[in-house]
mmCIF file of all heavy atoms, coordinates in Angstrom:
data_MODEL
# 
_entry.id   MODEL 
# 
loop_
_atom_site.group_PDB 
_atom_site.id 
_atom_site.type_symbol 
_atom_site.label_atom_id 
_atom_site.label_alt_id 
_atom_site.label_comp_id 
_atom_site.label_asym_id 
_atom_site.label_entity_id 
_atom_site.label_seq_id 
_atom_site.pdbx_PDB_ins_code 
_atom_site.Cartn_x 
_atom_site.Cartn_y 
_atom_site.Cartn_z 
_atom_site.occupancy 
_atom_site.B_iso_or_equiv 
_atom_site.pdbx_formal_charge 
_atom_site.auth_seq_id 
_atom_site.auth_comp_id 
_atom_site.auth_asym_id 
_atom_site.auth_atom_id 
_atom_site.pdbx_PDB_model_num 
ATOM 1   N N   . LEU A 1 1  ? 76.721 9.417  56.308 1.00 0.00 ? 1  LEU A N   1 
ATOM 2   C CA  . LEU A 1 1  ? 76.081 10.708 56.189 1.00 0.00 ? 1  LEU A CA  1 
ATOM 3   C C   . LEU A 1 1  ? 76.019 11.550 57.506 1.00 0.00 ? 1  LEU A C   1 
ATOM 4   O O   . LEU A 1 1  ? 76.304 12.657 57.501 1.00 0.00 ? 1  LEU A O   1 
ATOM 5   C CB  . LEU A 1 1  ? 74.680 10.563 55.665 1.00 0.00 ? 1  LEU A CB  1 
ATOM 6   C CG  . LEU A 1 1  ? 74.617 10.050 54.130 1.00 0.00 ? 1  LEU A CG  1 
ATOM 7   C CD1 . LEU A 1 1  ? 73.198 9.709  53.826 1.00 0.00 ? 1  LEU A CD1 1 
ATOM 8   C CD2 . LEU A 1 1  ? 75.133 11.161 53.161 1.00 0.00 ? 1  LEU A CD2 1 
ATOM 9   N N   . LYS A 1 2  ? 75.637 10.778 58.546 1.00 0.00 ? 2  LYS A N   1 
ATOM 10  C CA  . LYS A 1 2  ? 75.599 11.502 59.906 1.00 0.00 ? 2  LYS A CA  1 
ATOM 11  C C   . LYS A 1 2  ? 76.989 12.021 60.299 1.00 0.00 ? 2  LYS A C   1 
ATOM 12  O O   . LYS A 1 2  ? 77.119 13.060 60.931 1.00 0.00 ? 2  LYS A O   1 
ATOM 13  C CB  . LYS A 1 2  ? 75.033 10.532 60.946 1.00 0.00 ? 2  LYS A CB  1 
ATOM 14  C CG  . LYS A 1 2  ? 73.557 10.354 60.768 1.00 0.00 ? 2  LYS A CG  1 
ATOM 15  C CD  . LYS A 1 2  ? 72.969 9.476  61.855 1.00 0.00 ? 2  LYS A CD  1 
ATOM 16  C CE  . LYS A 1 2  ? 71.449 9.324  61.700 1.00 0.00 ? 2  LYS A CE  1 
ATOM 17  N NZ  . LYS A 1 2  ? 70.907 8.395  62.693 1.00 0.00 ? 2  LYS A NZ  1 
ATOM 18  N N   . LYS A 1 3  ? 78.005 11.311 60.005 1.00 0.00 ? 3  LYS A N   1 
ATOM 19  C CA  . LYS A 1 3  ? 79.326 11.747 60.336 1.00 0.00 ? 3  LYS A CA  1 
ATOM 20  C C   . LYS A 1 3  ? 79.626 12.983 59.505 1.00 0.00 ? 3  LYS A C   1 
ATOM 21  O O   . LYS A 1 3  ? 80.274 13.956 60.025 1.00 0.00 ? 3  LYS A O   1 
ATOM 22  C CB  . LYS A 1 3  ? 80.321 10.592 60.015 1.00 0.00 ? 3  LYS A CB  1 
ATOM 23  C CG  . LYS A 1 3  ? 81.768 10.974 60.411 1.00 0.00 ? 3  LYS A CG  1 
ATOM 24  C CD  . LYS A 1 3  ? 82.670 9.780  60.228 1.00 0.00 ? 3  LYS A CD  1 
ATOM 25  C CE  . LYS A 1 3  ? 84.112 10.055 60.553 1.00 0.00 ? 3  LYS A CE  1 
ATOM 26  N NZ  . LYS A 1 3  ? 84.289 10.528 61.938 1.00 0.00 ? 3  LYS A NZ  1 
ATOM 27  N N   . ALA A 1 4  ? 79.313 13.038 58.177 1.00 0.00 ? 4  ALA A N   1 
ATOM 28  C CA  . ALA A 1 4  ? 79.480 14.123 57.395 1.00 0.00 ? 4  ALA A CA  1 
ATOM 29  C C   . ALA A 1 4  ? 78.859 15.412 57.876 1.00 0.00 ? 4  ALA A C   1 
ATOM 30  O O   . ALA A 1 4  ? 79.237 16.498 57.758 1.00 0.00 ? 4  ALA A O   1 
ATOM 31  C CB  . ALA A 1 4  ? 79.027 13.849 55.929 1.00 0.00 ? 4  ALA A CB  1 
ATOM 32  N N   . LEU A 1 5  ? 77.629 15.206 58.556 1.00 0.00 ? 5  LEU A N   1 
ATOM 33  C CA  . LEU A 1 5  ? 76.841 16.302 59.048 1.00 0.00 ? 5  LEU A CA  1 
ATOM 34  C C   . LEU A 1 5  ? 77.566 17.098 60.146 1.00 0.00 ? 5  LEU A C   1 
ATOM 35  O O   . LEU A 1 5  ? 77.191 18.304 60.353 1.00 0.00 ? 5  LEU A O   1 
ATOM 36  C CB  . LEU A 1 5  ? 75.499 15.866 59.550 1.00 0.00 ? 5  LEU A CB  1 
ATOM 37  C CG  . LEU A 1 5  ? 74.480 15.316 58.582 1.00 0.00 ? 5  LEU A CG  1 
ATOM 38  C CD1 . LEU A 1 5  ? 73.279 14.799 59.300 1.00 0.00 ? 5  LEU A CD1 1 
ATOM 39  C CD2 . LEU A 1 5  ? 74.131 16.438 57.525 1.00 0.00 ? 5  LEU A CD2 1 
ATOM 40  N N   . GLU A 1 6  ? 78.605 16.513 60.708 1.00 0.00 ? 6  GLU A N   1 
ATOM 41  C CA  . GLU A 1 6  ? 79.414 17.183 61.755 1.00 0.00 ? 6  GLU A CA  1 
ATOM 42  C C   . GLU A 1 6  ? 80.205 18.362 61.150 1.00 0.00 ? 6  GLU A C   1 
ATOM 43  O O   . GLU A 1 6  ? 80.544 19.262 61.861 1.00 0.00 ? 6  GLU A O   1 
ATOM 44  C CB  . GLU A 1 6  ? 80.357 16.252 62.329 1.00 0.00 ? 6  GLU A CB  1 
ATOM 45  C CG  . GLU A 1 6  ? 79.727 15.097 63.182 1.00 0.00 ? 6  GLU A CG  1 
ATOM 46  C CD  . GLU A 1 6  ? 80.708 13.918 63.620 1.00 0.00 ? 6  GLU A CD  1 
ATOM 47  O OE1 . GLU A 1 6  ? 81.911 14.184 63.449 1.00 0.00 ? 6  GLU A OE1 1 
ATOM 48  O OE2 . GLU A 1 6  ? 80.271 12.986 64.189 1.00 0.00 ? 6  GLU A OE2 1 
ATOM 49  N N   . ASP A 1 7  ? 80.291 18.359 59.793 1.00 0.00 ? 7  ASP A N   1 
ATOM 50  C CA  . ASP A 1 7  ? 81.023 19.424 59.071 1.00 0.00 ? 7  ASP A CA  1 
ATOM 51  C C   . ASP A 1 7  ? 80.045 20.525 58.641 1.00 0.00 ? 7  ASP A C   1 
ATOM 52  O O   . ASP A 1 7  ? 80.400 21.469 58.136 1.00 0.00 ? 7  ASP A O   1 
ATOM 53  C CB  . ASP A 1 7  ? 81.832 18.925 57.952 1.00 0.00 ? 7  ASP A CB  1 
ATOM 54  C CG  . ASP A 1 7  ? 83.071 18.183 58.309 1.00 0.00 ? 7  ASP A CG  1 
ATOM 55  O OD1 . ASP A 1 7  ? 83.266 18.014 59.511 1.00 0.00 ? 7  ASP A OD1 1 
ATOM 56  O OD2 . ASP A 1 7  ? 83.836 17.943 57.388 1.00 0.00 ? 7  ASP A OD2 1 
ATOM 57  N N   . PHE A 1 8  ? 78.686 20.262 58.766 1.00 0.00 ? 8  PHE A N   1 
ATOM 58  C CA  . PHE A 1 8  ? 77.652 21.204 58.353 1.00 0.00 ? 8  PHE A CA  1 
ATOM 59  C C   . PHE A 1 8  ? 76.836 21.494 59.536 1.00 0.00 ? 8  PHE A C   1 
ATOM 60  O O   . PHE A 1 8  ? 75.725 21.044 59.721 1.00 0.00 ? 8  PHE A O   1 
ATOM 61  C CB  . PHE A 1 8  ? 76.878 20.535 57.226 1.00 0.00 ? 8  PHE A CB  1 
ATOM 62  C CG  . PHE A 1 8  ? 77.650 20.252 55.934 1.00 0.00 ? 8  PHE A CG  1 
ATOM 63  C CD1 . PHE A 1 8  ? 78.010 18.964 55.666 1.00 0.00 ? 8  PHE A CD1 1 
ATOM 64  C CD2 . PHE A 1 8  ? 78.023 21.205 55.079 1.00 0.00 ? 8  PHE A CD2 1 
ATOM 65  C CE1 . PHE A 1 8  ? 78.739 18.639 54.552 1.00 0.00 ? 8  PHE A CE1 1 
ATOM 66  C CE2 . PHE A 1 8  ? 78.771 20.982 53.882 1.00 0.00 ? 8  PHE A CE2 1 
ATOM 67  C CZ  . PHE A 1 8  ? 79.132 19.688 53.651 1.00 0.00 ? 8  PHE A CZ  1 
ATOM 68  N N   . LYS A 1 9  ? 77.336 22.415 60.347 1.00 0.00 ? 9  LYS A N   1 
ATOM 69  C CA  . LYS A 1 9  ? 76.621 22.715 61.652 1.00 0.00 ? 9  LYS A CA  1 
ATOM 70  C C   . LYS A 1 9  ? 75.271 23.364 61.352 1.00 0.00 ? 9  LYS A C   1 
ATOM 71  O O   . LYS A 1 9  ? 74.361 23.268 62.143 1.00 0.00 ? 9  LYS A O   1 
ATOM 72  C CB  . LYS A 1 9  ? 77.510 23.707 62.395 1.00 0.00 ? 9  LYS A CB  1 
ATOM 73  C CG  . LYS A 1 9  ? 78.954 23.130 62.775 1.00 0.00 ? 9  LYS A CG  1 
ATOM 74  C CD  . LYS A 1 9  ? 78.837 21.803 63.559 1.00 0.00 ? 9  LYS A CD  1 
ATOM 75  C CE  . LYS A 1 9  ? 80.197 21.367 63.996 1.00 0.00 ? 9  LYS A CE  1 
ATOM 76  N NZ  . LYS A 1 9  ? 80.172 20.055 64.708 1.00 0.00 ? 9  LYS A NZ  1 
ATOM 77  N N   . ASP A 1 10 ? 75.075 24.114 60.216 1.00 0.00 ? 10 ASP A N   1 
ATOM 78  C CA  . ASP A 1 10 ? 73.928 24.902 60.037 1.00 0.00 ? 10 ASP A CA  1 
ATOM 79  C C   . ASP A 1 10 ? 72.843 24.199 59.155 1.00 0.00 ? 10 ASP A C   1 
ATOM 80  O O   . ASP A 1 10 ? 71.821 24.665 58.751 1.00 0.00 ? 10 ASP A O   1 
ATOM 81  C CB  . ASP A 1 10 ? 74.235 26.226 59.328 1.00 0.00 ? 10 ASP A CB  1 
ATOM 82  C CG  . ASP A 1 10 ? 75.034 25.991 58.108 1.00 0.00 ? 10 ASP A CG  1 
ATOM 83  O OD1 . ASP A 1 10 ? 75.638 24.987 57.879 1.00 0.00 ? 10 ASP A OD1 1 
ATOM 84  O OD2 . ASP A 1 10 ? 75.126 27.035 57.361 1.00 0.00 ? 10 ASP A OD2 1 
ATOM 85  N N   . ILE A 1 11 ? 73.145 22.851 58.854 1.00 0.00 ? 11 ILE A N   1 
ATOM 86  C CA  . ILE A 1 11 ? 72.261 22.151 58.000 1.00 0.00 ? 11 ILE A CA  1 
ATOM 87  C C   . ILE A 1 11 ? 71.078 21.551 58.672 1.00 0.00 ? 11 ILE A C   1 
ATOM 88  O O   . ILE A 1 11 ? 71.112 21.252 59.926 1.00 0.00 ? 11 ILE A O   1 
ATOM 89  C CB  . ILE A 1 11 ? 73.059 21.008 57.296 1.00 0.00 ? 11 ILE A CB  1 
ATOM 90  C CG1 . ILE A 1 11 ? 72.299 20.489 56.104 1.00 0.00 ? 11 ILE A CG1 1 
ATOM 91  C CG2 . ILE A 1 11 ? 73.254 19.847 58.328 1.00 0.00 ? 11 ILE A CG2 1 
ATOM 92  C CD1 . ILE A 1 11 ? 73.205 19.444 55.186 1.00 0.00 ? 11 ILE A CD1 1 
ATOM 93  N N   . LYS A 1 12 ? 69.884 21.549 58.113 1.00 0.00 ? 12 LYS A N   1 
ATOM 94  C CA  . LYS A 1 12 ? 68.696 20.991 58.618 1.00 0.00 ? 12 LYS A CA  1 
ATOM 95  C C   . LYS A 1 12 ? 68.177 19.865 57.698 1.00 0.00 ? 12 LYS A C   1 
ATOM 96  O O   . LYS A 1 12 ? 67.824 20.075 56.576 1.00 0.00 ? 12 LYS A O   1 
ATOM 97  C CB  . LYS A 1 12 ? 67.571 22.003 58.792 1.00 0.00 ? 12 LYS A CB  1 
ATOM 98  C CG  . LYS A 1 12 ? 67.893 23.087 59.788 1.00 0.00 ? 12 LYS A CG  1 
ATOM 99  C CD  . LYS A 1 12 ? 66.825 24.060 60.016 1.00 0.00 ? 12 LYS A CD  1 
ATOM 100 C CE  . LYS A 1 12 ? 67.113 25.121 61.069 1.00 0.00 ? 12 LYS A CE  1 
ATOM 101 N NZ  . LYS A 1 12 ? 65.970 26.094 61.137 1.00 0.00 ? 12 LYS A NZ  1 
ATOM 102 N N   . ILE A 1 13 ? 68.310 18.653 58.233 1.00 0.00 ? 13 ILE A N   1 
ATOM 103 C CA  . ILE A 1 13 ? 67.889 17.458 57.454 1.00 0.00 ? 13 ILE A CA  1 
ATOM 104 C C   . ILE A 1 13 ? 67.372 16.458 58.451 1.00 0.00 ? 13 ILE A C   1 
ATOM 105 O O   . ILE A 1 13 ? 67.910 16.198 59.489 1.00 0.00 ? 13 ILE A O   1 
ATOM 106 C CB  . ILE A 1 13 ? 69.096 16.956 56.677 1.00 0.00 ? 13 ILE A CB  1 
ATOM 107 C CG1 . ILE A 1 13 ? 68.707 15.850 55.707 1.00 0.00 ? 13 ILE A CG1 1 
ATOM 108 C CG2 . ILE A 1 13 ? 70.314 16.504 57.610 1.00 0.00 ? 13 ILE A CG2 1 
ATOM 109 C CD1 . ILE A 1 13 ? 69.748 15.460 54.720 1.00 0.00 ? 13 ILE A CD1 1 
ATOM 110 N N   . ASP A 1 14 ? 66.226 15.789 57.990 1.00 0.00 ? 14 ASP A N   1 
ATOM 111 C CA  . ASP A 1 14 ? 65.669 14.727 58.919 1.00 0.00 ? 14 ASP A CA  1 
ATOM 112 C C   . ASP A 1 14 ? 66.060 13.331 58.539 1.00 0.00 ? 14 ASP A C   1 
ATOM 113 O O   . ASP A 1 14 ? 66.702 13.102 57.466 1.00 0.00 ? 14 ASP A O   1 
ATOM 114 C CB  . ASP A 1 14 ? 64.165 14.896 58.863 1.00 0.00 ? 14 ASP A CB  1 
ATOM 115 C CG  . ASP A 1 14 ? 63.525 14.772 57.453 1.00 0.00 ? 14 ASP A CG  1 
ATOM 116 O OD1 . ASP A 1 14 ? 64.164 14.030 56.644 1.00 0.00 ? 14 ASP A OD1 1 
ATOM 117 O OD2 . ASP A 1 14 ? 62.457 15.351 57.234 1.00 0.00 ? 14 ASP A OD2 1 
ATOM 118 N N   . GLU A 1 15 ? 65.711 12.442 59.437 1.00 0.00 ? 15 GLU A N   1 
ATOM 119 C CA  . GLU A 1 15 ? 66.119 11.015 59.278 1.00 0.00 ? 15 GLU A CA  1 
ATOM 120 C C   . GLU A 1 15 ? 65.531 10.476 57.946 1.00 0.00 ? 15 GLU A C   1 
ATOM 121 O O   . GLU A 1 15 ? 66.150 9.667  57.238 1.00 0.00 ? 15 GLU A O   1 
ATOM 122 C CB  . GLU A 1 15 ? 65.646 10.122 60.429 1.00 0.00 ? 15 GLU A CB  1 
ATOM 123 C CG  . GLU A 1 15 ? 66.383 10.314 61.711 1.00 0.00 ? 15 GLU A CG  1 
ATOM 124 C CD  . GLU A 1 15 ? 67.748 9.737  61.758 1.00 0.00 ? 15 GLU A CD  1 
ATOM 125 O OE1 . GLU A 1 15 ? 67.828 8.748  60.922 1.00 0.00 ? 15 GLU A OE1 1 
ATOM 126 O OE2 . GLU A 1 15 ? 68.556 10.145 62.548 1.00 0.00 ? 15 GLU A OE2 1 
ATOM 127 N N   . GLU A 1 16 ? 64.255 10.783 57.599 1.00 0.00 ? 16 GLU A N   1 
ATOM 128 C CA  . GLU A 1 16 ? 63.693 10.289 56.356 1.00 0.00 ? 16 GLU A CA  1 
ATOM 129 C C   . GLU A 1 16 ? 64.451 10.677 55.123 1.00 0.00 ? 16 GLU A C   1 
ATOM 130 O O   . GLU A 1 16 ? 64.623 9.875  54.165 1.00 0.00 ? 16 GLU A O   1 
ATOM 131 C CB  . GLU A 1 16 ? 62.242 10.901 56.311 1.00 0.00 ? 16 GLU A CB  1 
ATOM 132 C CG  . GLU A 1 16 ? 61.467 10.305 55.087 1.00 0.00 ? 16 GLU A CG  1 
ATOM 133 C CD  . GLU A 1 16 ? 60.018 10.850 54.985 1.00 0.00 ? 16 GLU A CD  1 
ATOM 134 O OE1 . GLU A 1 16 ? 59.700 11.733 55.742 1.00 0.00 ? 16 GLU A OE1 1 
ATOM 135 O OE2 . GLU A 1 16 ? 59.260 10.248 54.221 1.00 0.00 ? 16 GLU A OE2 1 
ATOM 136 N N   . THR A 1 17 ? 65.058 11.984 55.132 1.00 0.00 ? 17 THR A N   1 
ATOM 137 C CA  . THR A 1 17 ? 65.794 12.340 53.935 1.00 0.00 ? 17 THR A CA  1 
ATOM 138 C C   . THR A 1 17 ? 67.129 11.664 53.897 1.00 0.00 ? 17 THR A C   1 
ATOM 139 O O   . THR A 1 17 ? 67.591 11.255 52.834 1.00 0.00 ? 17 THR A O   1 
ATOM 140 C CB  . THR A 1 17 ? 66.024 13.860 53.948 1.00 0.00 ? 17 THR A CB  1 
ATOM 141 O OG1 . THR A 1 17 ? 64.710 14.522 54.134 1.00 0.00 ? 17 THR A OG1 1 
ATOM 142 C CG2 . THR A 1 17 ? 66.746 14.350 52.768 1.00 0.00 ? 17 THR A CG2 1 
ATOM 143 N N   . LEU A 1 18 ? 67.755 11.414 55.040 1.00 0.00 ? 18 LEU A N   1 
ATOM 144 C CA  . LEU A 1 18 ? 68.979 10.635 55.095 1.00 0.00 ? 18 LEU A CA  1 
ATOM 145 C C   . LEU A 1 18 ? 68.720 9.275  54.568 1.00 0.00 ? 18 LEU A C   1 
ATOM 146 O O   . LEU A 1 18 ? 69.563 8.738  53.764 1.00 0.00 ? 18 LEU A O   1 
ATOM 147 C CB  . LEU A 1 18 ? 69.561 10.533 56.533 1.00 0.00 ? 18 LEU A CB  1 
ATOM 148 C CG  . LEU A 1 18 ? 70.133 11.993 57.056 1.00 0.00 ? 18 LEU A CG  1 
ATOM 149 C CD1 . LEU A 1 18 ? 70.502 11.748 58.506 1.00 0.00 ? 18 LEU A CD1 1 
ATOM 150 C CD2 . LEU A 1 18 ? 71.292 12.415 56.262 1.00 0.00 ? 18 LEU A CD2 1 
ATOM 151 N N   . ASP A 1 19 ? 67.622 8.695  54.973 1.00 0.00 ? 19 ASP A N   1 
ATOM 152 C CA  . ASP A 1 19 ? 67.263 7.331  54.529 1.00 0.00 ? 19 ASP A CA  1 
ATOM 153 C C   . ASP A 1 19 ? 67.080 7.314  52.940 1.00 0.00 ? 19 ASP A C   1 
ATOM 154 O O   . ASP A 1 19 ? 67.462 6.357  52.344 1.00 0.00 ? 19 ASP A O   1 
ATOM 155 C CB  . ASP A 1 19 ? 66.100 6.855  55.201 1.00 0.00 ? 19 ASP A CB  1 
ATOM 156 C CG  . ASP A 1 19 ? 65.797 5.363  54.934 1.00 0.00 ? 19 ASP A CG  1 
ATOM 157 O OD1 . ASP A 1 19 ? 66.496 4.555  55.568 1.00 0.00 ? 19 ASP A OD1 1 
ATOM 158 O OD2 . ASP A 1 19 ? 64.816 5.070  54.198 1.00 0.00 ? 19 ASP A OD2 1 
ATOM 159 N N   . TYR A 1 20 ? 66.426 8.389  52.481 1.00 0.00 ? 20 TYR A N   1 
ATOM 160 C CA  . TYR A 1 20 ? 66.179 8.518  51.051 1.00 0.00 ? 20 TYR A CA  1 
ATOM 161 C C   . TYR A 1 20 ? 67.542 8.599  50.257 1.00 0.00 ? 20 TYR A C   1 
ATOM 162 O O   . TYR A 1 20 ? 67.732 7.876  49.264 1.00 0.00 ? 20 TYR A O   1 
ATOM 163 C CB  . TYR A 1 20 ? 65.334 9.645  50.744 1.00 0.00 ? 20 TYR A CB  1 
ATOM 164 C CG  . TYR A 1 20 ? 64.984 9.877  49.206 1.00 0.00 ? 20 TYR A CG  1 
ATOM 165 C CD1 . TYR A 1 20 ? 64.128 8.940  48.652 1.00 0.00 ? 20 TYR A CD1 1 
ATOM 166 C CD2 . TYR A 1 20 ? 65.480 10.883 48.542 1.00 0.00 ? 20 TYR A CD2 1 
ATOM 167 C CE1 . TYR A 1 20 ? 63.702 9.125  47.325 1.00 0.00 ? 20 TYR A CE1 1 
ATOM 168 C CE2 . TYR A 1 20 ? 65.148 11.071 47.133 1.00 0.00 ? 20 TYR A CE2 1 
ATOM 169 C CZ  . TYR A 1 20 ? 64.313 10.197 46.664 1.00 0.00 ? 20 TYR A CZ  1 
ATOM 170 O OH  . TYR A 1 20 ? 64.052 10.327 45.244 1.00 0.00 ? 20 TYR A OH  1 
ATOM 171 N N   . ILE A 1 21 ? 68.440 9.433  50.670 1.00 0.00 ? 21 ILE A N   1 
ATOM 172 C CA  . ILE A 1 21 ? 69.733 9.507  50.164 1.00 0.00 ? 21 ILE A CA  1 
ATOM 173 C C   . ILE A 1 21 ? 70.519 8.167  50.043 1.00 0.00 ? 21 ILE A C   1 
ATOM 174 O O   . ILE A 1 21 ? 71.091 7.707  49.078 1.00 0.00 ? 21 ILE A O   1 
ATOM 175 C CB  . ILE A 1 21 ? 70.654 10.539 50.790 1.00 0.00 ? 21 ILE A CB  1 
ATOM 176 C CG1 . ILE A 1 21 ? 70.012 11.943 50.571 1.00 0.00 ? 21 ILE A CG1 1 
ATOM 177 C CG2 . ILE A 1 21 ? 72.031 10.638 50.191 1.00 0.00 ? 21 ILE A CG2 1 
ATOM 178 C CD1 . ILE A 1 21 ? 70.722 13.063 51.436 1.00 0.00 ? 21 ILE A CD1 1 
ATOM 179 N N   . ALA A 1 22 ? 70.408 7.525  51.256 1.00 0.00 ? 22 ALA A N   1 
ATOM 180 C CA  . ALA A 1 22 ? 71.038 6.150  51.383 1.00 0.00 ? 22 ALA A CA  1 
ATOM 181 C C   . ALA A 1 22 ? 70.455 5.213  50.388 1.00 0.00 ? 22 ALA A C   1 
ATOM 182 O O   . ALA A 1 22 ? 71.125 4.327  49.747 1.00 0.00 ? 22 ALA A O   1 
ATOM 183 C CB  . ALA A 1 22 ? 70.862 5.695  52.753 1.00 0.00 ? 22 ALA A CB  1 
ATOM 184 N N   . THR A 1 23 ? 69.128 5.215  50.147 1.00 0.00 ? 23 THR A N   1 
ATOM 185 C CA  . THR A 1 23 ? 68.432 4.375  49.144 1.00 0.00 ? 23 THR A CA  1 
ATOM 186 C C   . THR A 1 23 ? 68.850 4.724  47.762 1.00 0.00 ? 23 THR A C   1 
ATOM 187 O O   . THR A 1 23 ? 69.217 3.773  47.005 1.00 0.00 ? 23 THR A O   1 
ATOM 188 C CB  . THR A 1 23 ? 66.889 4.468  49.277 1.00 0.00 ? 23 THR A CB  1 
ATOM 189 O OG1 . THR A 1 23 ? 66.469 4.187  50.490 1.00 0.00 ? 23 THR A OG1 1 
ATOM 190 C CG2 . THR A 1 23 ? 66.208 3.653  48.238 1.00 0.00 ? 23 THR A CG2 1 
ATOM 191 N N   . LEU A 1 24 ? 68.934 5.899  47.433 1.00 0.00 ? 24 LEU A N   1 
ATOM 192 C CA  . LEU A 1 24 ? 69.428 6.332  46.082 1.00 0.00 ? 24 LEU A CA  1 
ATOM 193 C C   . LEU A 1 24 ? 70.874 5.884  45.875 1.00 0.00 ? 24 LEU A C   1 
ATOM 194 O O   . LEU A 1 24 ? 71.262 5.573  44.695 1.00 0.00 ? 24 LEU A O   1 
ATOM 195 C CB  . LEU A 1 24 ? 69.398 7.821  45.941 1.00 0.00 ? 24 LEU A CB  1 
ATOM 196 C CG  . LEU A 1 24 ? 67.970 8.476  45.787 1.00 0.00 ? 24 LEU A CG  1 
ATOM 197 C CD1 . LEU A 1 24 ? 68.129 10.000 45.650 1.00 0.00 ? 24 LEU A CD1 1 
ATOM 198 C CD2 . LEU A 1 24 ? 67.222 7.931  44.528 1.00 0.00 ? 24 LEU A CD2 1 
ATOM 199 N N   . SER A 1 25 ? 71.701 5.855  46.897 1.00 0.00 ? 25 SER A N   1 
ATOM 200 C CA  . SER A 1 25 ? 73.097 5.504  46.707 1.00 0.00 ? 25 SER A CA  1 
ATOM 201 C C   . SER A 1 25 ? 73.456 4.127  46.321 1.00 0.00 ? 25 SER A C   1 
ATOM 202 O O   . SER A 1 25 ? 74.519 3.805  45.812 1.00 0.00 ? 25 SER A O   1 
ATOM 203 C CB  . SER A 1 25 ? 73.932 6.006  47.915 1.00 0.00 ? 25 SER A CB  1 
ATOM 204 O OG  . SER A 1 25 ? 73.656 5.039  48.980 1.00 0.00 ? 25 SER A OG  1 
ATOM 205 N N   . SER A 1 26 ? 72.510 3.300  46.655 1.00 0.00 ? 26 SER A N   1 
ATOM 206 C CA  . SER A 1 26 ? 72.661 1.756  46.380 1.00 0.00 ? 26 SER A CA  1 
ATOM 207 C C   . SER A 1 26 ? 74.004 1.311  46.810 1.00 0.00 ? 26 SER A C   1 
ATOM 208 O O   . SER A 1 26 ? 74.671 0.588  46.164 1.00 0.00 ? 26 SER A O   1 
ATOM 209 C CB  . SER A 1 26 ? 72.548 1.527  44.861 1.00 0.00 ? 26 SER A CB  1 
ATOM 210 O OG  . SER A 1 26 ? 71.270 1.848  44.465 1.00 0.00 ? 26 SER A OG  1 
ATOM 211 N N   . GLY A 1 27 ? 74.455 1.675  48.045 1.00 0.00 ? 27 GLY A N   1 
ATOM 212 C CA  . GLY A 1 27 ? 75.677 1.208  48.654 1.00 0.00 ? 27 GLY A CA  1 
ATOM 213 C C   . GLY A 1 27 ? 76.900 1.917  48.271 1.00 0.00 ? 27 GLY A C   1 
ATOM 214 O O   . GLY A 1 27 ? 78.038 1.578  48.687 1.00 0.00 ? 27 GLY A O   1 
ATOM 215 N N   . ASP A 1 28 ? 76.783 3.045  47.563 1.00 0.00 ? 28 ASP A N   1 
ATOM 216 C CA  . ASP A 1 28 ? 77.957 3.872  47.141 1.00 0.00 ? 28 ASP A CA  1 
ATOM 217 C C   . ASP A 1 28 ? 78.043 5.096  48.025 1.00 0.00 ? 28 ASP A C   1 
ATOM 218 O O   . ASP A 1 28 ? 77.312 6.086  47.902 1.00 0.00 ? 28 ASP A O   1 
ATOM 219 C CB  . ASP A 1 28 ? 77.773 4.319  45.656 1.00 0.00 ? 28 ASP A CB  1 
ATOM 220 C CG  . ASP A 1 28 ? 78.973 5.042  45.110 1.00 0.00 ? 28 ASP A CG  1 
ATOM 221 O OD1 . ASP A 1 28 ? 79.700 5.619  45.880 1.00 0.00 ? 28 ASP A OD1 1 
ATOM 222 O OD2 . ASP A 1 28 ? 79.160 4.964  43.888 1.00 0.00 ? 28 ASP A OD2 1 
# 
């Protein structure tokens, strides 16, 4: 996800939200 953020320069997202997305993804 952090690598993907390099393509979204104007995005604002915190570590907690990234962790939440990762939890939802269940390894996908």
